[in-house]
Protein backbone atom coordinates (compact mmCIF):
# COMPACT_ATOMS: atom_id res chain seq x y z
CA MET A 1 95.16 72.90 127.55
CA ALA A 2 96.15 75.25 124.72
CA THR A 3 99.80 75.43 123.77
CA ASP A 4 101.75 78.65 124.18
CA PRO A 5 102.71 80.04 120.74
CA LEU A 6 105.78 81.62 122.34
CA ASN A 7 107.05 78.06 122.86
CA ASP A 8 106.47 77.17 119.19
CA PRO A 9 109.76 77.56 117.26
CA GLU A 10 107.93 77.94 113.93
CA PHE A 11 105.72 80.76 115.27
CA LEU A 12 108.72 82.50 116.86
CA THR A 13 110.81 82.22 113.69
CA GLY A 14 108.11 83.83 111.54
CA LEU A 15 107.33 86.47 114.14
CA ARG A 16 111.00 87.35 114.62
CA ARG A 17 111.53 87.65 110.85
CA ASP A 18 108.59 90.06 110.53
CA MET A 19 109.68 92.03 113.59
CA LEU A 20 113.22 92.39 112.30
CA ARG A 21 112.07 93.56 108.89
CA PHE A 22 109.79 96.16 110.47
CA ALA A 23 112.45 97.34 112.93
CA GLU A 24 115.06 97.65 110.17
CA MET A 25 112.68 99.78 108.12
CA GLN A 26 112.10 102.09 111.07
CA LEU A 27 115.60 102.30 112.48
CA ARG A 28 117.63 101.81 109.29
CA ASP A 29 120.34 100.24 111.37
CA LYS A 30 120.58 96.45 111.45
CA ALA A 31 122.31 96.27 114.81
CA GLN A 32 119.80 98.58 116.50
CA ALA A 33 116.92 96.71 114.85
CA GLU A 34 118.27 93.37 116.12
CA ASP A 35 118.63 94.82 119.62
CA ALA A 36 115.06 96.17 119.58
CA VAL A 37 113.67 92.83 118.39
CA GLN A 38 115.61 90.89 121.01
CA GLU A 39 114.47 93.25 123.77
CA ALA A 40 110.86 93.00 122.60
CA LEU A 41 110.95 89.20 122.46
CA ALA A 42 112.64 89.01 125.85
CA GLY A 43 110.01 91.36 127.25
CA ALA A 44 107.21 89.25 125.77
CA LEU A 45 108.67 86.00 127.08
CA GLY A 46 109.30 87.50 130.51
CA GLY A 47 105.91 89.18 130.70
CA ARG A 48 103.62 86.44 129.41
CA GLU A 49 101.38 86.76 132.45
CA LYS A 50 100.64 90.39 131.45
CA PHE A 51 99.16 89.30 128.10
CA ALA A 52 95.42 89.76 128.56
CA SER A 53 94.29 88.33 125.19
CA ARG A 54 92.53 91.60 124.26
CA ALA A 55 94.53 91.48 121.01
CA SER A 56 96.33 88.67 119.24
CA LEU A 57 99.63 87.54 120.69
CA ARG A 58 101.36 88.76 117.52
CA THR A 59 99.82 92.24 117.90
CA TRP A 60 100.84 92.36 121.55
CA VAL A 61 104.46 91.45 120.78
CA LEU A 62 104.56 93.96 117.91
CA SER A 63 103.28 96.68 120.24
CA ILE A 64 106.19 95.90 122.57
CA LEU A 65 108.52 96.24 119.58
CA LYS A 66 106.87 99.54 118.63
CA ASN A 67 107.69 100.89 122.08
CA LYS A 68 111.30 99.70 121.78
CA ILE A 69 111.58 101.44 118.40
CA VAL A 70 110.13 104.66 119.79
CA ASP A 71 112.65 104.50 122.65
CA ALA A 72 115.50 104.08 120.15
CA LEU A 73 114.24 106.97 118.01
CA ARG A 74 113.93 109.22 121.04
CA ALA A 75 117.45 108.30 122.12
CA ARG A 76 118.73 109.23 118.67
CA VAL A 77 117.10 112.63 118.85
CA ARG A 78 118.52 113.24 122.32
CA GLU A 79 121.98 112.12 121.31
CA LYS A 80 121.85 113.67 117.82
CA ALA A 81 123.17 110.36 116.49
CA VAL A 82 123.87 110.01 112.79
CA VAL A 83 122.38 106.89 111.23
CA THR A 84 123.67 105.33 108.06
CA ALA A 85 121.49 103.29 105.75
CA ASP A 86 123.08 99.90 105.10
CA ASN A 87 120.14 98.84 102.92
CA ASP A 88 121.30 100.49 99.68
CA ASP A 89 123.06 97.31 98.54
CA ASP A 90 119.81 95.35 98.84
CA LEU A 91 117.91 97.94 96.80
CA ASP A 92 120.54 98.29 94.10
CA ALA A 93 119.66 94.82 92.87
CA PHE A 94 116.23 96.14 91.80
CA PHE A 95 117.49 99.18 89.85
CA ASP A 96 120.08 99.86 87.13
CA HIS A 97 122.60 102.73 87.04
CA ARG A 98 119.90 105.13 85.73
CA GLN A 99 117.58 104.24 88.66
CA HIS A 100 115.23 102.30 86.34
CA TRP A 101 114.09 98.77 87.00
CA ALA A 102 116.79 96.21 86.30
CA GLU A 103 115.98 93.39 83.91
CA ASP A 104 113.81 90.64 85.45
CA THR A 105 112.93 92.73 88.51
CA ARG A 106 110.12 94.85 87.04
CA PRO A 107 106.84 93.88 88.67
CA SER A 108 104.31 92.06 86.57
CA GLU A 109 100.93 93.54 85.64
CA TRP A 110 97.93 92.91 87.86
CA GLN A 111 94.28 92.35 87.05
CA THR A 112 92.53 94.48 89.70
CA PRO A 113 93.56 96.99 92.37
CA GLN A 114 92.35 94.57 95.06
CA GLN A 115 94.72 91.89 93.83
CA ALA A 116 97.60 94.36 93.65
CA THR A 117 97.38 95.33 97.28
CA GLU A 118 97.51 91.68 98.23
CA ASN A 119 100.44 91.04 95.95
CA LYS A 120 103.68 90.45 97.83
CA GLN A 121 105.70 91.90 95.00
CA PHE A 122 103.78 95.20 95.24
CA TRP A 123 104.77 95.52 98.88
CA GLU A 124 108.39 94.78 98.01
CA VAL A 125 108.29 97.62 95.47
CA PHE A 126 106.55 99.86 97.99
CA GLU A 127 109.23 99.07 100.56
CA ALA A 128 111.98 99.80 98.00
CA CYS A 129 110.32 103.15 97.27
CA LEU A 130 110.02 103.86 100.99
CA TYR A 131 113.74 103.12 101.48
CA ARG A 132 114.56 105.61 98.72
CA LEU A 133 112.89 108.44 100.64
CA PRO A 134 115.07 110.68 102.76
CA GLU A 135 115.41 109.11 106.19
CA ALA A 136 113.33 111.75 108.01
CA CYS A 137 110.46 111.54 105.49
CA ALA A 138 110.42 107.74 105.60
CA ARG A 139 110.45 107.66 109.40
CA ILE A 140 107.67 110.24 109.76
CA PHE A 141 105.54 108.58 107.04
CA THR A 142 105.90 105.16 108.68
CA MET A 143 105.20 106.52 112.15
CA ARG A 144 101.97 108.08 110.85
CA GLU A 145 100.71 105.49 108.36
CA VAL A 146 102.06 102.22 109.77
CA LEU A 147 102.41 102.79 113.50
CA GLY A 148 99.36 105.07 113.72
CA PHE A 149 101.03 107.93 115.62
CA ASP A 150 99.17 111.23 115.72
CA THR A 151 100.91 114.47 114.78
CA ASP A 152 101.71 115.46 118.35
CA GLU A 153 103.36 112.09 119.07
CA ILE A 154 105.45 112.32 115.90
CA CYS A 155 106.52 115.89 116.66
CA GLN A 156 107.48 115.00 120.22
CA THR A 157 109.36 111.84 119.22
CA VAL A 158 111.27 113.33 116.30
CA GLY A 159 111.60 116.83 117.72
CA ILE A 160 109.94 118.81 114.91
CA SER A 161 107.08 121.29 114.58
CA ALA A 162 103.61 120.28 113.40
CA ASN A 163 104.09 122.32 110.23
CA ASN A 164 107.35 120.52 109.47
CA CYS A 165 105.59 117.20 110.10
CA PHE A 166 102.86 118.03 107.58
CA VAL A 167 105.46 119.13 105.02
CA GLN A 168 107.45 115.91 105.50
CA LEU A 169 104.30 113.79 105.15
CA HIS A 170 103.30 115.66 101.99
CA ARG A 171 106.76 115.18 100.48
CA ALA A 172 106.79 111.50 101.40
CA ARG A 173 103.38 110.91 99.81
CA LEU A 174 104.38 112.74 96.61
CA ALA A 175 107.66 110.84 96.36
CA LEU A 176 105.97 107.48 97.00
CA ARG A 177 103.29 108.28 94.44
CA ALA A 178 105.94 109.16 91.84
CA CYS A 179 108.07 106.11 92.63
CA LEU A 180 105.13 103.69 92.54
CA GLY A 181 103.76 105.40 89.43
CA ALA A 182 107.04 104.98 87.58
CA ASN A 183 108.10 101.60 88.98
CA TRP A 184 104.84 99.75 89.51
CA PHE A 185 101.95 101.34 87.68
CA GLY A 186 104.02 102.18 84.58
CA GLU A 187 103.07 105.85 84.53
CA ALA A 188 105.32 108.38 82.81
CA ALA A 189 107.34 110.49 85.22
């Protein structure tokens, strides 16, 4: 009989860490992210019998988390809540007072583009660049490119027009390109 990964502490620890990181990026509020992760894990543990093995267990649990995040974002829009980003302290360690890379934090060169995308440090830089975007741009970009929402879903969730959505996505892509160009690829600004 196969063991249940949800009973494996090592699997749960790694899964929870990844879920929390993802939720914090989306919600930009550690307490809300923790709540969403706990609710998603509780839902997964309580609804094990609903898991049909059409996807991996990890994907299934992350889809539960995605729904919890969407619920939290919708609640924010309804309540017009103001969210503060507590992550600036974490990012400040990577940059100096002129917003350039601090000593010993600049990413190393890579050999090929394929290797770069697999490089953990690249994704840390990408995440730092994503955190530097205005909150609305970062949320809309992540909803589209990470969560796979279509334009209508984004507009309904965030409460914006399709035109505004396209403008926000364009701005996010330009800002990420500039940030990665300056801080990873070594391009002149």
